[in-house]
């Protein structure tokens, strides 16, 4: 049997399509749009079935900040089974067959369709160690090259006509399209619609902030926004940190009430100290140890918030934080 020649170069039209694919995958790997629960449910079921696994219990949340405390003690944790790395298990069998159809130099060129990605989920600050151990994210997200493999395969099968196992690819691409996080076990899969990340830096920082702003529940917006404020402070951007922090105050005042609002105010005060203790790199780029010029504004705001806390125990706790600064 004659050996089928490998594809070694792109036509002019394919070069143009390569540019389009780069834009496509930049949007795919960090989408600001949320898939519907029905679409996520279908893609997860398809992936499990493709791997000859039974359909698990599927729980879908808008963000990690929307998981209720009661969920961690629910019966779903009693029969997890093994961790199921859906995306990696679907991806690995596709790489070699496609690579055999493309010459080495071109195969290397297509490596850069998807930008390099290194990010971690923005986990809620109050999660216990036990909860963090339960939430084992799909190993695909820990591998900074996972999306690069996917984008290269996508171009090869879509534009170059390379053959592959269509069912496996469709199952994998279906998961990638959802744009969120997956925490899959054999009998349980937690899917998160919005992929909030632990970063405020380029190139994903602006999109990450837009995702936080789009959260449905104001409680989630407040808690996620506080963590973005802390990250801005650590990065040395005091004004941005302060603006983000003040924005969460407005959300708490305008959209929350009762005990929920009191807890939000307490969380805001608890997160105030980091905003005042990092070097402001915008104001003092060559100075180590300079504190935020906005420190007094922060503490003035905190004092105002304490007066708004109606629950006596929470007001006392908030005042103790202020007295201990």
C-alpha atoms as a PDB file:
ATOM      1  CA  UNK A   1       0.000   0.000   0.000  1.00  0.00           C
ATOM      2  CA  UNK A   2       1.395   3.385  -1.030  1.00  0.00           C
ATOM      3  CA  UNK A   3       2.192   5.735   1.803  1.00  0.00           C
ATOM      4  CA  UNK A   4      -0.152   8.723   1.892  1.00  0.00           C
ATOM      5  CA  UNK A   5       1.919  11.935   1.718  1.00  0.00           C
ATOM      6  CA  UNK A   6       1.686  14.296   4.626  1.00  0.00           C
ATOM      7  CA  UNK A   7       0.307  17.788   4.216  1.00  0.00           C
ATOM      8  CA  UNK A   8       3.373  20.024   4.220  1.00  0.00           C
ATOM      9  CA  UNK A   9       2.209  23.552   3.443  1.00  0.00           C
ATOM     10  CA  UNK A  10      -0.819  25.812   3.462  1.00  0.00           C
ATOM     11  CA  UNK A  11      -2.422  27.481   0.475  1.00  0.00           C
ATOM     12  CA  UNK A  12      -2.985  31.249   0.508  1.00  0.00           C
ATOM     13  CA  UNK A  13      -6.625  30.683   1.399  1.00  0.00           C
ATOM     14  CA  UNK A  14      -5.649  28.388   4.252  1.00  0.00           C
ATOM     15  CA  UNK A  15      -3.199  30.984   5.575  1.00  0.00           C
ATOM     16  CA  UNK A  16      -6.103  33.444   5.765  1.00  0.00           C
ATOM     17  CA  UNK A  17      -8.242  30.843   7.509  1.00  0.00           C
ATOM     18  CA  UNK A  18      -5.437  30.287  10.011  1.00  0.00           C
ATOM     19  CA  UNK A  19      -5.838  33.912  11.127  1.00  0.00           C
ATOM     20  CA  UNK A  20      -9.572  33.346  11.573  1.00  0.00           C
ATOM     21  CA  UNK A  21      -8.938  30.235  13.649  1.00  0.00           C
ATOM     22  CA  UNK A  22      -6.598  32.142  15.948  1.00  0.00           C
ATOM     23  CA  UNK A  23      -9.372  34.657  16.635  1.00  0.00           C
ATOM     24  CA  UNK A  24     -11.877  31.849  17.091  1.00  0.00           C
ATOM     25  CA  UNK A  25      -9.762  30.061  19.698  1.00  0.00           C
ATOM     26  CA  UNK A  26      -8.856  33.227  21.555  1.00  0.00           C
ATOM     27  CA  UNK A  27     -12.589  33.694  22.109  1.00  0.00           C
ATOM     28  CA  UNK A  28     -13.208  30.025  22.888  1.00  0.00           C
ATOM     29  CA  UNK A  29     -10.610  29.633  25.607  1.00  0.00           C
ATOM     30  CA  UNK A  30     -11.935  32.591  27.551  1.00  0.00           C
ATOM     31  CA  UNK A  31     -15.544  33.221  26.652  1.00  0.00           C
ATOM     32  CA  UNK A  32     -17.616  35.939  28.300  1.00  0.00           C
ATOM     33  CA  UNK A  33     -20.826  34.249  27.191  1.00  0.00           C
ATOM     34  CA  UNK A  34     -22.554  31.561  29.239  1.00  0.00           C
ATOM     35  CA  UNK A  35     -23.953  28.369  27.774  1.00  0.00           C
ATOM     36  CA  UNK A  36     -27.414  27.285  28.833  1.00  0.00           C
ATOM     37  CA  UNK A  37     -27.853  24.566  31.431  1.00  0.00           C
ATOM     38  CA  UNK A  38     -29.435  22.355  28.761  1.00  0.00           C
ATOM     39  CA  UNK A  39     -26.402  22.719  26.468  1.00  0.00           C
ATOM     40  CA  UNK A  40     -23.982  21.948  29.293  1.00  0.00           C
ATOM     41  CA  UNK A  41     -26.039  18.945  30.392  1.00  0.00           C
ATOM     42  CA  UNK A  42     -26.030  17.565  26.844  1.00  0.00           C
ATOM     43  CA  UNK A  43     -22.287  18.073  26.305  1.00  0.00           C
ATOM     44  CA  UNK A  44     -21.382  16.408  29.613  1.00  0.00           C
ATOM     45  CA  UNK A  45     -23.651  13.429  28.900  1.00  0.00           C
ATOM     46  CA  UNK A  46     -22.140  13.044  25.414  1.00  0.00           C
ATOM     47  CA  UNK A  47     -18.591  13.090  26.812  1.00  0.00           C
ATOM     48  CA  UNK A  48     -19.335  10.475  29.475  1.00  0.00           C
ATOM     49  CA  UNK A  49     -21.052   8.190  26.967  1.00  0.00           C
ATOM     50  CA  UNK A  50     -18.164   8.562  24.510  1.00  0.00           C
ATOM     51  CA  UNK A  51     -15.856   7.260  27.250  1.00  0.00           C
ATOM     52  CA  UNK A  52     -18.268   4.405  28.022  1.00  0.00           C
ATOM     53  CA  UNK A  53     -19.214   5.933  31.360  1.00  0.00           C
ATOM     54  CA  UNK A  54     -22.739   6.107  32.710  1.00  0.00           C
ATOM     55  CA  UNK A  55     -24.415   9.493  32.964  1.00  0.00           C
ATOM     56  CA  UNK A  56     -23.437  10.984  36.339  1.00  0.00           C
ATOM     57  CA  UNK A  57     -25.399  13.288  38.588  1.00  0.00           C
ATOM     58  CA  UNK A  58     -24.807  16.674  36.989  1.00  0.00           C
ATOM     59  CA  UNK A  59     -24.916  19.889  38.995  1.00  0.00           C
ATOM     60  CA  UNK A  60     -24.633  23.207  37.183  1.00  0.00           C
ATOM     61  CA  UNK A  61     -23.783  26.533  38.838  1.00  0.00           C
ATOM     62  CA  UNK A  62     -23.218  29.951  37.321  1.00  0.00           C
ATOM     63  CA  UNK A  63     -19.926  30.399  39.180  1.00  0.00           C
ATOM     64  CA  UNK A  64     -18.000  28.831  42.032  1.00  0.00           C
ATOM     65  CA  UNK A  65     -19.406  31.607  44.221  1.00  0.00           C
ATOM     66  CA  UNK A  66     -22.944  30.331  43.608  1.00  0.00           C
ATOM     67  CA  UNK A  67     -22.495  26.915  45.225  1.00  0.00           C
ATOM     68  CA  UNK A  68     -24.540  26.891  48.458  1.00  0.00           C
ATOM     69  CA  UNK A  69     -22.951  25.714  51.712  1.00  0.00           C
ATOM     70  CA  UNK A  70     -25.556  22.942  51.991  1.00  0.00           C
ATOM     71  CA  UNK A  71     -24.199  21.343  48.813  1.00  0.00           C
ATOM     72  CA  UNK A  72     -21.009  20.179  50.533  1.00  0.00           C
ATOM     73  CA  UNK A  73     -22.897  17.920  52.934  1.00  0.00           C
ATOM     74  CA  UNK A  74     -25.454  16.600  50.441  1.00  0.00           C
ATOM     75  CA  UNK A  75     -25.802  12.908  49.599  1.00  0.00           C
ATOM     76  CA  UNK A  76     -24.193  13.324  46.150  1.00  0.00           C
ATOM     77  CA  UNK A  77     -20.731  13.082  47.767  1.00  0.00           C
ATOM     78  CA  UNK A  78     -21.327   9.592  49.130  1.00  0.00           C
ATOM     79  CA  UNK A  79     -20.675   7.725  45.865  1.00  0.00           C
ATOM     80  CA  UNK A  80     -18.260   9.739  43.746  1.00  0.00           C
ATOM     81  CA  UNK A  81     -16.279   7.007  42.065  1.00  0.00           C
ATOM     82  CA  UNK A  82     -12.937   7.868  40.501  1.00  0.00           C
ATOM     83  CA  UNK A  83     -11.988  11.268  39.148  1.00  0.00           C
ATOM     84  CA  UNK A  84     -12.789  11.292  35.428  1.00  0.00           C
ATOM     85  CA  UNK A  85     -10.564  13.609  33.377  1.00  0.00           C
ATOM     86  CA  UNK A  86     -13.038  13.935  30.541  1.00  0.00           C
ATOM     87  CA  UNK A  87     -11.225  16.359  28.287  1.00  0.00           C
ATOM     88  CA  UNK A  88      -7.781  14.792  28.606  1.00  0.00           C
ATOM     89  CA  UNK A  89      -9.157  11.298  27.993  1.00  0.00           C
ATOM     90  CA  UNK A  90     -10.948  12.527  24.885  1.00  0.00           C
ATOM     91  CA  UNK A  91      -7.984  14.578  23.649  1.00  0.00           C
ATOM     92  CA  UNK A  92      -5.091  12.126  23.937  1.00  0.00           C
ATOM     93  CA  UNK A  93      -6.332   9.536  21.367  1.00  0.00           C
ATOM     94  CA  UNK A  94      -6.830  12.294  18.777  1.00  0.00           C
ATOM     95  CA  UNK A  95      -3.334  13.799  18.753  1.00  0.00           C
ATOM     96  CA  UNK A  96      -1.248  11.021  17.161  1.00  0.00           C
ATOM     97  CA  UNK A  97      -3.635  10.122  14.271  1.00  0.00           C
ATOM     98  CA  UNK A  98      -3.863  13.753  13.185  1.00  0.00           C
ATOM     99  CA  UNK A  99      -0.114  14.352  13.626  1.00  0.00           C
ATOM    100  CA  UNK A 100       0.620  11.481  11.226  1.00  0.00           C
ATOM    101  CA  UNK A 101      -1.215  13.357   8.460  1.00  0.00           C
ATOM    102  CA  UNK A 102       0.721  16.637   8.763  1.00  0.00           C
ATOM    103  CA  UNK A 103       4.430  17.244   8.083  1.00  0.00           C
ATOM    104  CA  UNK A 104       6.537  18.120  11.103  1.00  0.00           C
ATOM    105  CA  UNK A 105       7.302  21.741  10.214  1.00  0.00           C
ATOM    106  CA  UNK A 106       3.664  22.580   9.505  1.00  0.00           C
ATOM    107  CA  UNK A 107       2.542  20.639  12.585  1.00  0.00           C
ATOM    108  CA  UNK A 108       4.832  22.888  14.636  1.00  0.00           C
ATOM    109  CA  UNK A 109       3.544  26.048  12.969  1.00  0.00           C
ATOM    110  CA  UNK A 110      -0.034  25.181  13.908  1.00  0.00           C
ATOM    111  CA  UNK A 111       0.945  24.903  17.573  1.00  0.00           C
ATOM    112  CA  UNK A 112       0.337  28.625  18.093  1.00  0.00           C
ATOM    113  CA  UNK A 113      -3.290  28.845  16.957  1.00  0.00           C
ATOM    114  CA  UNK A 114      -4.426  29.053  20.564  1.00  0.00           C
ATOM    115  CA  UNK A 115      -2.519  31.424  22.868  1.00  0.00           C
ATOM    116  CA  UNK A 116      -0.622  29.947  25.767  1.00  0.00           C
ATOM    117  CA  UNK A 117      -2.810  29.758  28.810  1.00  0.00           C
ATOM    118  CA  UNK A 118      -1.889  29.533  32.466  1.00  0.00           C
ATOM    119  CA  UNK A 119      -4.731  30.266  34.827  1.00  0.00           C
ATOM    120  CA  UNK A 120      -6.491  28.858  37.845  1.00  0.00           C
ATOM    121  CA  UNK A 121     -10.085  29.206  39.015  1.00  0.00           C
ATOM    122  CA  UNK A 122     -11.063  32.087  41.259  1.00  0.00           C
ATOM    123  CA  UNK A 123     -12.030  30.031  44.291  1.00  0.00           C
ATOM    124  CA  UNK A 124     -14.199  31.521  47.068  1.00  0.00           C
ATOM    125  CA  UNK A 125     -11.985  32.769  49.876  1.00  0.00           C
ATOM    126  CA  UNK A 126     -13.929  31.027  52.642  1.00  0.00           C
ATOM    127  CA  UNK A 127     -13.696  27.475  51.297  1.00  0.00           C
ATOM    128  CA  UNK A 128     -12.339  24.926  53.746  1.00  0.00           C
ATOM    129  CA  UNK A 129      -9.533  22.524  52.890  1.00  0.00           C
ATOM    130  CA  UNK A 130     -12.088  19.710  52.779  1.00  0.00           C
ATOM    131  CA  UNK A 131     -14.147  21.547  50.176  1.00  0.00           C
ATOM    132  CA  UNK A 132     -11.068  22.329  48.084  1.00  0.00           C
ATOM    133  CA  UNK A 133     -10.136  18.647  48.085  1.00  0.00           C
ATOM    134  CA  UNK A 134     -13.600  17.733  46.875  1.00  0.00           C
ATOM    135  CA  UNK A 135     -13.414  20.163  43.979  1.00  0.00           C
ATOM    136  CA  UNK A 136     -10.861  18.358  41.813  1.00  0.00           C
ATOM    137  CA  UNK A 137     -10.825  20.257  38.537  1.00  0.00           C
ATOM    138  CA  UNK A 138     -10.449  18.371  35.254  1.00  0.00           C
ATOM    139  CA  UNK A 139      -6.716  17.865  34.693  1.00  0.00           C
ATOM    140  CA  UNK A 140      -7.172  19.364  31.222  1.00  0.00           C
ATOM    141  CA  UNK A 141      -7.251  22.842  32.783  1.00  0.00           C
ATOM    142  CA  UNK A 142      -4.008  22.233  34.675  1.00  0.00           C
ATOM    143  CA  UNK A 143      -2.171  21.536  31.415  1.00  0.00           C
ATOM    144  CA  UNK A 144      -1.333  24.859  29.762  1.00  0.00           C
ATOM    145  CA  UNK A 145      -1.064  23.085  26.407  1.00  0.00           C
ATOM    146  CA  UNK A 146      -4.508  21.452  26.338  1.00  0.00           C
ATOM    147  CA  UNK A 147      -6.194  24.186  24.328  1.00  0.00           C
ATOM    148  CA  UNK A 148      -3.236  24.356  21.943  1.00  0.00           C
ATOM    149  CA  UNK A 149      -3.656  20.689  21.106  1.00  0.00           C
ATOM    150  CA  UNK A 150      -7.395  21.204  20.590  1.00  0.00           C
ATOM    151  CA  UNK A 151      -7.027  24.239  18.334  1.00  0.00           C
ATOM    152  CA  UNK A 152      -4.434  22.497  16.159  1.00  0.00           C
ATOM    153  CA  UNK A 153      -6.649  19.445  15.764  1.00  0.00           C
ATOM    154  CA  UNK A 154      -9.618  21.690  14.982  1.00  0.00           C
ATOM    155  CA  UNK A 155      -7.746  23.402  12.138  1.00  0.00           C
ATOM    156  CA  UNK A 156      -6.365  20.159  10.757  1.00  0.00           C
ATOM    157  CA  UNK A 157      -9.734  18.426  10.562  1.00  0.00           C
ATOM    158  CA  UNK A 158     -11.765  21.500   9.609  1.00  0.00           C
ATOM    159  CA  UNK A 159      -9.468  23.129   7.040  1.00  0.00           C
ATOM    160  CA  UNK A 160      -6.882  20.531   6.007  1.00  0.00           C
ATOM    161  CA  UNK A 161      -9.345  17.638   5.888  1.00  0.00           C
ATOM    162  CA  UNK A 162      -7.454  15.351   8.265  1.00  0.00           C
ATOM    163  CA  UNK A 163      -9.396  12.302   9.380  1.00  0.00           C
ATOM    164  CA  UNK A 164     -10.054  11.461  13.016  1.00  0.00           C
ATOM    165  CA  UNK A 165     -12.592   9.791  15.261  1.00  0.00           C
ATOM    166  CA  UNK A 166     -15.499  12.158  14.694  1.00  0.00           C
ATOM    167  CA  UNK A 167     -17.505  11.100  17.751  1.00  0.00           C
ATOM    168  CA  UNK A 168     -14.555  11.654  20.077  1.00  0.00           C
ATOM    169  CA  UNK A 169     -13.745  15.031  18.559  1.00  0.00           C
ATOM    170  CA  UNK A 170     -17.370  16.196  18.707  1.00  0.00           C
ATOM    171  CA  UNK A 171     -17.567  15.172  22.365  1.00  0.00           C
ATOM    172  CA  UNK A 172     -14.364  17.068  23.189  1.00  0.00           C
ATOM    173  CA  UNK A 173     -15.282  20.156  21.178  1.00  0.00           C
ATOM    174  CA  UNK A 174     -18.711  20.170  22.794  1.00  0.00           C
ATOM    175  CA  UNK A 175     -17.087  20.499  26.218  1.00  0.00           C
ATOM    176  CA  UNK A 176     -14.655  23.183  25.040  1.00  0.00           C
ATOM    177  CA  UNK A 177     -17.514  25.258  23.628  1.00  0.00           C
ATOM    178  CA  UNK A 178     -19.223  25.495  27.010  1.00  0.00           C
ATOM    179  CA  UNK A 179     -16.561  27.899  28.259  1.00  0.00           C
ATOM    180  CA  UNK A 180     -16.704  27.047  31.960  1.00  0.00           C
ATOM    181  CA  UNK A 181     -15.010  24.806  34.515  1.00  0.00           C
ATOM    182  CA  UNK A 182     -15.561  21.067  34.940  1.00  0.00           C
ATOM    183  CA  UNK A 183     -15.098  19.065  38.128  1.00  0.00           C
ATOM    184  CA  UNK A 184     -15.842  15.507  36.965  1.00  0.00           C
ATOM    185  CA  UNK A 185     -16.043  12.299  38.974  1.00  0.00           C
ATOM    186  CA  UNK A 186     -17.262   8.928  37.784  1.00  0.00           C
ATOM    187  CA  UNK A 187     -20.734   9.374  39.312  1.00  0.00           C
ATOM    188  CA  UNK A 188     -20.825  13.143  39.814  1.00  0.00           C
ATOM    189  CA  UNK A 189     -19.971  16.093  37.593  1.00  0.00           C
ATOM    190  CA  UNK A 190     -20.030  19.723  38.671  1.00  0.00           C
ATOM    191  CA  UNK A 191     -20.152  22.163  35.769  1.00  0.00           C
ATOM    192  CA  UNK A 192     -19.592  25.893  36.219  1.00  0.00           C
ATOM    193  CA  UNK A 193     -20.920  28.199  33.523  1.00  0.00           C
ATOM    194  CA  UNK A 194     -18.584  31.170  33.994  1.00  0.00           C
ATOM    195  CA  UNK A 195     -14.841  30.612  34.051  1.00  0.00           C
ATOM    196  CA  UNK A 196     -13.718  33.234  36.562  1.00  0.00           C
ATOM    197  CA  UNK A 197      -9.948  33.168  36.901  1.00  0.00           C
ATOM    198  CA  UNK A 198      -7.441  34.166  39.569  1.00  0.00           C
ATOM    199  CA  UNK A 199      -6.044  37.093  37.609  1.00  0.00           C
ATOM    200  CA  UNK A 200      -6.578  40.765  36.771  1.00  0.00           C
ATOM    201  CA  UNK A 201      -3.641  40.957  34.369  1.00  0.00           C
ATOM    202  CA  UNK A 202      -3.416  41.057  30.602  1.00  0.00           C
ATOM    203  CA  UNK A 203      -4.555  39.534  28.381  1.00  0.00           C
ATOM    204  CA  UNK A 204      -7.520  38.095  30.313  1.00  0.00           C
ATOM    205  CA  UNK A 205      -8.049  40.595  33.139  1.00  0.00           C
ATOM    206  CA  UNK A 206     -10.659  42.758  31.395  1.00  0.00           C
ATOM    207  CA  UNK A 207     -12.705  39.734  30.344  1.00  0.00           C
ATOM    208  CA  UNK A 208     -12.497  38.342  33.853  1.00  0.00           C
ATOM    209  CA  UNK A 209     -13.880  41.576  35.303  1.00  0.00           C
ATOM    210  CA  UNK A 210     -16.685  41.534  32.735  1.00  0.00           C
ATOM    211  CA  UNK A 211     -17.609  38.009  33.840  1.00  0.00           C
ATOM    212  CA  UNK A 212     -17.746  39.086  37.487  1.00  0.00           C
ATOM    213  CA  UNK A 213     -19.955  42.047  36.538  1.00  0.00           C
ATOM    214  CA  UNK A 214     -22.312  39.693  34.704  1.00  0.00           C
ATOM    215  CA  UNK A 215     -22.966  37.383  37.673  1.00  0.00           C
ATOM    216  CA  UNK A 216     -26.662  37.087  38.420  1.00  0.00           C
ATOM    217  CA  UNK A 217     -26.575  36.948  42.223  1.00  0.00           C
ATOM    218  CA  UNK A 218     -25.392  40.173  43.895  1.00  0.00           C
ATOM    219  CA  UNK A 219     -23.861  38.134  46.757  1.00  0.00           C
ATOM    220  CA  UNK A 220     -21.631  36.395  44.226  1.00  0.00           C
ATOM    221  CA  UNK A 221     -20.728  39.700  42.588  1.00  0.00           C
ATOM    222  CA  UNK A 222     -19.664  41.108  45.947  1.00  0.00           C
ATOM    223  CA  UNK A 223     -17.537  38.115  46.976  1.00  0.00           C
ATOM    224  CA  UNK A 224     -15.875  37.744  43.564  1.00  0.00           C
ATOM    225  CA  UNK A 225     -15.371  41.501  43.262  1.00  0.00           C
ATOM    226  CA  UNK A 226     -13.617  41.617  46.625  1.00  0.00           C
ATOM    227  CA  UNK A 227     -11.097  39.057  45.429  1.00  0.00           C
ATOM    228  CA  UNK A 228     -10.439  41.030  42.254  1.00  0.00           C
ATOM    229  CA  UNK A 229      -9.828  44.108  44.411  1.00  0.00           C
ATOM    230  CA  UNK A 230      -7.301  42.171  46.490  1.00  0.00           C
ATOM    231  CA  UNK A 231      -5.552  40.938  43.334  1.00  0.00           C
ATOM    232  CA  UNK A 232      -5.317  44.493  41.990  1.00  0.00           C
ATOM    233  CA  UNK A 233      -3.766  45.544  45.288  1.00  0.00           C
ATOM    234  CA  UNK A 234      -1.194  42.742  45.218  1.00  0.00           C
ATOM    235  CA  UNK A 235      -0.313  43.784  41.658  1.00  0.00           C
ATOM    236  CA  UNK A 236       0.414  47.293  42.960  1.00  0.00           C
ATOM    237  CA  UNK A 237      -2.619  49.046  41.463  1.00  0.00           C
ATOM    238  CA  UNK A 238      -4.071  50.809  44.488  1.00  0.00           C
ATOM    239  CA  UNK A 239      -6.514  53.039  42.625  1.00  0.00           C
ATOM    240  CA  UNK A 240      -7.936  50.110  40.665  1.00  0.00           C
ATOM    241  CA  UNK A 241      -8.153  48.070  43.857  1.00  0.00           C
ATOM    242  CA  UNK A 242      -9.970  50.887  45.633  1.00  0.00           C
ATOM    243  CA  UNK A 243     -12.375  51.443  42.734  1.00  0.00           C
ATOM    244  CA  UNK A 244     -13.197  47.731  42.582  1.00  0.00           C
ATOM    245  CA  UNK A 245     -13.675  47.582  46.356  1.00  0.00           C
ATOM    246  CA  UNK A 246     -15.973  50.645  46.357  1.00  0.00           C
ATOM    247  CA  UNK A 247     -17.970  49.102  43.530  1.00  0.00           C
ATOM    248  CA  UNK A 248     -18.731  46.068  45.701  1.00  0.00           C
ATOM    249  CA  UNK A 249     -19.952  48.422  48.427  1.00  0.00           C
ATOM    250  CA  UNK A 250     -22.428  49.952  45.980  1.00  0.00           C
ATOM    251  CA  UNK A 251     -23.700  46.519  44.951  1.00  0.00           C
ATOM    252  CA  UNK A 252     -24.140  45.476  48.582  1.00  0.00           C
ATOM    253  CA  UNK A 253     -25.966  48.692  49.467  1.00  0.00           C
ATOM    254  CA  UNK A 254     -28.238  48.747  46.429  1.00  0.00           C
ATOM    255  CA  UNK A 255     -29.023  45.071  45.860  1.00  0.00           C
ATOM    256  CA  UNK A 256     -28.794  43.342  49.234  1.00  0.00           C
ATOM    257  CA  UNK A 257     -30.762  43.670  52.448  1.00  0.00           C
ATOM    258  CA  UNK A 258     -31.106  42.234  55.953  1.00  0.00           C
ATOM    259  CA  UNK A 259     -28.645  39.681  57.282  1.00  0.00           C
ATOM    260  CA  UNK A 260     -27.312  39.028  53.756  1.00  0.00           C
ATOM    261  CA  UNK A 261     -26.294  42.665  53.472  1.00  0.00           C
ATOM    262  CA  UNK A 262     -24.737  42.619  56.944  1.00  0.00           C
ATOM    263  CA  UNK A 263     -22.565  39.625  56.035  1.00  0.00           C
ATOM    264  CA  UNK A 264     -21.564  41.370  52.806  1.00  0.00           C
ATOM    265  CA  UNK A 265     -20.535  44.509  54.708  1.00  0.00           C
ATOM    266  CA  UNK A 266     -18.487  42.374  57.111  1.00  0.00           C
ATOM    267  CA  UNK A 267     -16.742  40.659  54.176  1.00  0.00           C
ATOM    268  CA  UNK A 268     -15.988  44.056  52.628  1.00  0.00           C
ATOM    269  CA  UNK A 269     -14.402  45.269  55.869  1.00  0.00           C
ATOM    270  CA  UNK A 270     -12.432  42.022  56.209  1.00  0.00           C
ATOM    271  CA  UNK A 271     -10.983  42.591  52.742  1.00  0.00           C
ATOM    272  CA  UNK A 272     -10.093  46.232  53.381  1.00  0.00           C
ATOM    273  CA  UNK A 273      -6.707  45.705  55.014  1.00  0.00           C
ATOM    274  CA  UNK A 274      -4.911  44.159  51.981  1.00  0.00           C
ATOM    275  CA  UNK A 275      -5.909  47.165  49.885  1.00  0.00           C
ATOM    276  CA  UNK A 276      -3.925  49.477  52.174  1.00  0.00           C
ATOM    277  CA  UNK A 277      -0.764  47.443  52.692  1.00  0.00           C
ATOM    278  CA  UNK A 278       0.793  46.933  49.258  1.00  0.00           C
ATOM    279  CA  UNK A 279       3.111  49.206  47.325  1.00  0.00           C
ATOM    280  CA  UNK A 280       1.291  51.388  44.824  1.00  0.00           C
ATOM    281  CA  UNK A 281       3.264  50.601  41.664  1.00  0.00           C
ATOM    282  CA  UNK A 282       1.395  53.238  39.638  1.00  0.00           C
ATOM    283  CA  UNK A 283       2.420  56.023  42.036  1.00  0.00           C
ATOM    284  CA  UNK A 284       5.735  54.591  43.254  1.00  0.00           C
ATOM    285  CA  UNK A 285       7.096  52.229  40.565  1.00  0.00           C
ATOM    286  CA  UNK A 286      10.598  52.090  42.075  1.00  0.00           C
ATOM    287  CA  UNK A 287       9.715  52.158  45.752  1.00  0.00           C
ATOM    288  CA  UNK A 288       9.386  49.118  47.966  1.00  0.00           C
ATOM    289  CA  UNK A 289       7.055  49.261  50.950  1.00  0.00           C
ATOM    290  CA  UNK A 290       5.089  52.425  50.156  1.00  0.00           C
ATOM    291  CA  UNK A 291       1.497  52.076  51.307  1.00  0.00           C
ATOM    292  CA  UNK A 292      -1.570  53.020  49.341  1.00  0.00           C
ATOM    293  CA  UNK A 293      -2.323  56.763  49.257  1.00  0.00           C
ATOM    294  CA  UNK A 294      -5.984  55.717  49.507  1.00  0.00           C
ATOM    295  CA  UNK A 295      -5.623  54.074  52.923  1.00  0.00           C
ATOM    296  CA  UNK A 296      -7.497  56.777  54.827  1.00  0.00           C
ATOM    297  CA  UNK A 297     -10.331  56.647  52.284  1.00  0.00           C
ATOM    298  CA  UNK A 298     -10.613  52.906  52.821  1.00  0.00           C
ATOM    299  CA  UNK A 299     -10.899  53.169  56.584  1.00  0.00           C
ATOM    300  CA  UNK A 300     -13.360  56.061  56.374  1.00  0.00           C
ATOM    301  CA  UNK A 301     -15.567  53.888  54.166  1.00  0.00           C
ATOM    302  CA  UNK A 302     -15.277  51.003  56.620  1.00  0.00           C
ATOM    303  CA  UNK A 303     -16.348  53.205  59.523  1.00  0.00           C
ATOM    304  CA  UNK A 304     -19.405  54.266  57.538  1.00  0.00           C
ATOM    305  CA  UNK A 305     -20.268  50.637  56.769  1.00  0.00           C
ATOM    306  CA  UNK A 306     -20.094  49.609  60.422  1.00  0.00           C
ATOM    307  CA  UNK A 307     -22.884  52.069  61.170  1.00  0.00           C
ATOM    308  CA  UNK A 308     -25.035  50.311  58.559  1.00  0.00           C
ATOM    309  CA  UNK A 309     -24.618  46.798  60.012  1.00  0.00           C
ATOM    310  CA  UNK A 310     -27.815  45.985  61.902  1.00  0.00           C
ATOM    311  CA  UNK A 311     -26.825  42.599  63.379  1.00  0.00           C
ATOM    312  CA  UNK A 312     -25.132  43.360  66.748  1.00  0.00           C
ATOM    313  CA  UNK A 313     -22.680  40.430  66.674  1.00  0.00           C
ATOM    314  CA  UNK A 314     -21.541  41.267  63.148  1.00  0.00           C
ATOM    315  CA  UNK A 315     -21.171  44.948  64.012  1.00  0.00           C
ATOM    316  CA  UNK A 316     -18.957  44.048  66.979  1.00  0.00           C
ATOM    317  CA  UNK A 317     -16.854  41.738  64.777  1.00  0.00           C
ATOM    318  CA  UNK A 318     -16.477  44.447  62.146  1.00  0.00           C
ATOM    319  CA  UNK A 319     -15.442  47.040  64.732  1.00  0.00           C
ATOM    320  CA  UNK A 320     -12.852  44.632  66.149  1.00  0.00           C
ATOM    321  CA  UNK A 321     -11.331  44.305  62.674  1.00  0.00           C
ATOM    322  CA  UNK A 322     -11.101  48.073  62.407  1.00  0.00           C
ATOM    323  CA  UNK A 323      -9.592  48.451  65.883  1.00  0.00           C
ATOM    324  CA  UNK A 324      -6.958  45.798  65.084  1.00  0.00           C
ATOM    325  CA  UNK A 325      -5.681  47.335  61.869  1.00  0.00           C
END
